[in-house]
Amino acid sequence: AGFGIGAQVIAELEDGQMGGTATVRLPDGAERAWAVEHGGFIRTWADLEAFPWPQPGTLPLDVFDAAAALLPAGMKIIAHAGGMLMSTRMYMGMERFWITLGEDPALAVALLERLQALQIVAIDQATDHLGIGAFFLDEDLAHCTGLLESPRFLRRHMFPFIKQVADLV
């Protein structure tokens, strides 16, 4: 089961505010939708502050009640709770995120930290659910030839969050 603050954030957006998707053609000729990479809805400090962020602790966890009721005896839910860096890139737009890391890194980090803080509260709430047996934390940290951000950035801004989640779980 997937859960997290991403759905709450998306619910606050007007249609098209995310920037939508673009169609990309894969080498085998197939097409797929892909997030628009040039710009998101958080571009400035004013955007970050003006956005109606969800209140910590308001994420509904009833999806776990419904899922747990369907499971055979002894089976548990694996809760998917990752993607804070991926969400940061998407909310800023990947291209804008990386430009911001060079021009105003504090803004990119502030968005990431806001999402992480909200997600930690949600994970903390979910750890009490008897139907959950494990958490799955994922991130897009690299591509075929290397990391998307520097090792220093990851050590400073991602690994402490991952450790905090591990300590909670």
Protein backbone atom coordinates (compact mmCIF):
# COMPACT_ATOMS: atom_id res chain seq x y z
CA ALA A 1 0.00 0.00 0.00
CA GLY A 2 1.30 3.45 -0.85
CA PHE A 3 0.80 6.39 1.45
CA GLY A 4 2.41 9.69 2.16
CA ILE A 5 2.01 13.39 2.04
CA GLY A 6 2.35 13.53 -1.76
CA ALA A 7 -1.37 12.86 -2.29
CA GLN A 8 -2.27 15.63 0.16
CA VAL A 9 0.00 18.08 -1.67
CA ILE A 10 -1.37 17.14 -5.09
CA ALA A 11 -4.95 17.56 -3.79
CA GLU A 12 -4.18 21.24 -3.11
CA LEU A 13 -3.16 21.94 -6.69
CA GLU A 14 -5.39 23.33 -9.37
CA ASP A 15 -5.65 21.31 -12.58
CA GLY A 16 -2.47 21.67 -14.57
CA GLN A 17 -0.51 23.35 -11.75
CA MET A 18 1.87 20.38 -11.51
CA GLY A 19 2.93 21.10 -15.05
CA GLY A 20 1.30 17.99 -16.47
CA THR A 21 3.02 15.29 -18.40
CA ALA A 22 4.73 15.00 -21.72
CA THR A 23 4.76 12.00 -24.00
CA VAL A 24 8.16 10.45 -24.61
CA ARG A 25 8.98 7.80 -27.18
CA LEU A 26 11.12 4.93 -25.95
CA PRO A 27 13.79 3.27 -28.12
CA ASP A 28 11.45 0.35 -28.83
CA GLY A 29 8.83 2.76 -30.22
CA ALA A 30 6.54 2.57 -27.20
CA GLU A 31 5.28 5.80 -25.67
CA ARG A 32 4.84 6.72 -22.04
CA ALA A 33 3.83 9.74 -20.02
CA TRP A 34 6.62 11.51 -18.18
CA ALA A 35 6.59 14.43 -15.76
CA VAL A 36 7.37 17.76 -17.37
CA GLU A 37 10.91 18.53 -16.30
CA HIS A 38 11.27 22.27 -16.88
CA GLY A 39 9.20 23.78 -14.12
CA GLY A 40 6.98 22.91 -11.21
CA PHE A 41 4.77 24.87 -8.87
CA ILE A 42 7.47 25.81 -6.32
CA ARG A 43 9.84 28.23 -8.05
CA THR A 44 10.54 30.83 -5.37
CA TRP A 45 10.63 31.32 -1.61
CA ALA A 46 7.24 33.04 -1.92
CA ASP A 47 5.81 29.93 -3.64
CA LEU A 48 7.17 27.74 -0.85
CA GLU A 49 5.68 29.91 1.88
CA ALA A 50 2.34 30.56 0.15
CA PHE A 51 1.55 26.94 -0.64
CA PRO A 52 -1.19 25.46 1.62
CA TRP A 53 0.93 22.65 3.09
CA PRO A 54 -0.95 19.92 4.93
CA GLN A 55 -0.86 20.04 8.69
CA PRO A 56 1.40 17.38 10.25
CA GLY A 57 -0.57 14.40 11.47
CA THR A 58 -3.55 14.90 9.15
CA LEU A 59 -2.75 12.15 6.67
CA PRO A 60 -5.65 9.67 6.66
CA LEU A 61 -4.41 6.15 7.28
CA ASP A 62 -7.73 4.37 6.66
CA VAL A 63 -6.24 2.78 3.53
CA PHE A 64 -4.36 0.49 5.89
CA ASP A 65 -7.56 -0.54 7.69
CA ALA A 66 -9.13 -1.48 4.36
CA ALA A 67 -6.03 -3.33 3.14
CA ALA A 68 -5.53 -5.19 6.43
CA ALA A 69 -9.13 -6.43 6.32
CA LEU A 70 -8.43 -8.10 2.96
CA LEU A 71 -5.23 -9.90 3.96
CA PRO A 72 -5.03 -13.58 4.87
CA ALA A 73 -4.18 -14.36 8.49
CA GLY A 74 -0.51 -13.73 9.25
CA MET A 75 0.09 -11.52 6.22
CA LYS A 76 1.11 -7.88 6.69
CA ILE A 77 1.16 -4.71 4.61
CA ILE A 78 4.34 -3.26 3.15
CA ALA A 79 3.81 0.50 3.32
CA HIS A 80 5.48 2.47 0.53
CA ALA A 81 6.67 5.71 2.11
CA GLY A 82 9.47 7.10 -0.02
CA GLY A 83 10.03 9.65 -2.70
CA MET A 84 10.74 12.86 -0.80
CA LEU A 85 13.67 13.81 -3.06
CA MET A 86 11.71 12.69 -6.12
CA SER A 87 8.78 14.83 -4.98
CA THR A 88 11.08 17.81 -4.41
CA ARG A 89 12.36 17.51 -7.96
CA MET A 90 8.84 17.17 -9.33
CA TYR A 91 7.38 20.06 -7.32
CA MET A 92 10.18 22.36 -8.50
CA GLY A 93 10.62 20.71 -11.88
CA MET A 94 13.77 18.65 -12.28
CA GLU A 95 15.61 21.24 -14.33
CA ARG A 96 14.61 24.09 -11.97
CA PHE A 97 15.58 21.95 -8.94
CA TRP A 98 19.13 21.41 -10.21
CA ILE A 99 19.50 25.06 -11.25
CA THR A 100 18.26 26.08 -7.80
CA LEU A 101 20.82 23.79 -6.17
CA GLY A 102 23.46 25.94 -7.85
CA GLU A 103 21.85 29.37 -7.49
CA ASP A 104 19.88 29.17 -4.22
CA PRO A 105 20.49 25.78 -2.61
CA ALA A 106 18.73 26.81 0.60
CA LEU A 107 15.40 26.98 -1.28
CA ALA A 108 15.72 23.46 -2.70
CA VAL A 109 16.79 22.13 0.71
CA ALA A 110 13.94 23.97 2.47
CA LEU A 111 11.39 22.27 0.20
CA LEU A 112 13.01 18.86 0.71
CA GLU A 113 13.12 19.33 4.49
CA ARG A 114 9.48 20.45 4.61
CA LEU A 115 8.41 17.30 2.77
CA GLN A 116 10.62 15.09 4.92
CA ALA A 117 9.23 16.61 8.14
CA LEU A 118 5.65 15.97 7.02
CA GLN A 119 6.48 12.43 5.92
CA ILE A 120 8.23 11.59 9.21
CA VAL A 121 5.04 12.44 11.09
CA ALA A 122 3.01 10.26 8.71
CA ILE A 123 5.43 7.36 9.08
CA ASP A 124 5.42 7.77 12.85
CA GLN A 125 1.61 7.55 12.82
CA ALA A 126 1.67 4.51 10.55
CA THR A 127 4.18 2.57 12.67
CA ASP A 128 1.37 2.07 15.22
CA HIS A 129 -0.90 0.32 12.70
CA LEU A 130 -1.05 -3.39 13.48
CA GLY A 131 -1.56 -4.28 9.82
CA ILE A 132 1.80 -2.88 8.70
CA GLY A 133 4.73 -5.29 8.77
CA ALA A 134 7.35 -3.29 6.85
CA PHE A 135 8.05 0.02 5.17
CA PHE A 136 9.47 0.42 1.68
CA LEU A 137 11.49 3.61 1.17
CA ASP A 138 12.61 4.38 -2.36
CA GLU A 139 14.25 7.29 -4.15
CA ASP A 140 15.61 7.98 -7.60
CA LEU A 141 19.20 8.70 -6.58
CA ALA A 142 20.98 7.76 -9.79
CA HIS A 143 20.65 7.02 -13.48
CA CYS A 144 22.58 4.62 -15.72
CA THR A 145 25.92 6.41 -15.41
CA GLY A 146 25.93 8.05 -12.01
CA LEU A 147 24.25 9.89 -9.17
CA LEU A 148 21.68 12.64 -9.79
CA GLU A 149 23.02 14.71 -6.86
CA SER A 150 26.43 14.78 -5.29
CA PRO A 151 27.40 12.29 -2.57
CA ARG A 152 27.87 15.28 -0.23
CA PHE A 153 24.27 16.41 -0.85
CA LEU A 154 22.96 12.91 -0.23
CA ARG A 155 25.00 12.48 2.97
CA ARG A 156 23.84 15.86 4.27
CA HIS A 157 20.17 15.86 3.22
CA MET A 158 18.99 12.32 2.46
CA PHE A 159 20.83 9.84 4.63
CA PRO A 160 19.80 11.50 7.94
CA PHE A 161 16.15 11.28 6.82
CA ILE A 162 16.56 7.61 5.88
CA LYS A 163 18.17 6.92 9.27
CA GLN A 164 15.35 8.75 11.03
CA VAL A 165 12.80 6.58 9.21
CA ALA A 166 14.77 3.42 10.07
CA ASP A 167 14.91 4.44 13.72
CA LEU A 168 11.12 4.98 13.78
CA VAL A 169 10.40 1.69 12.11
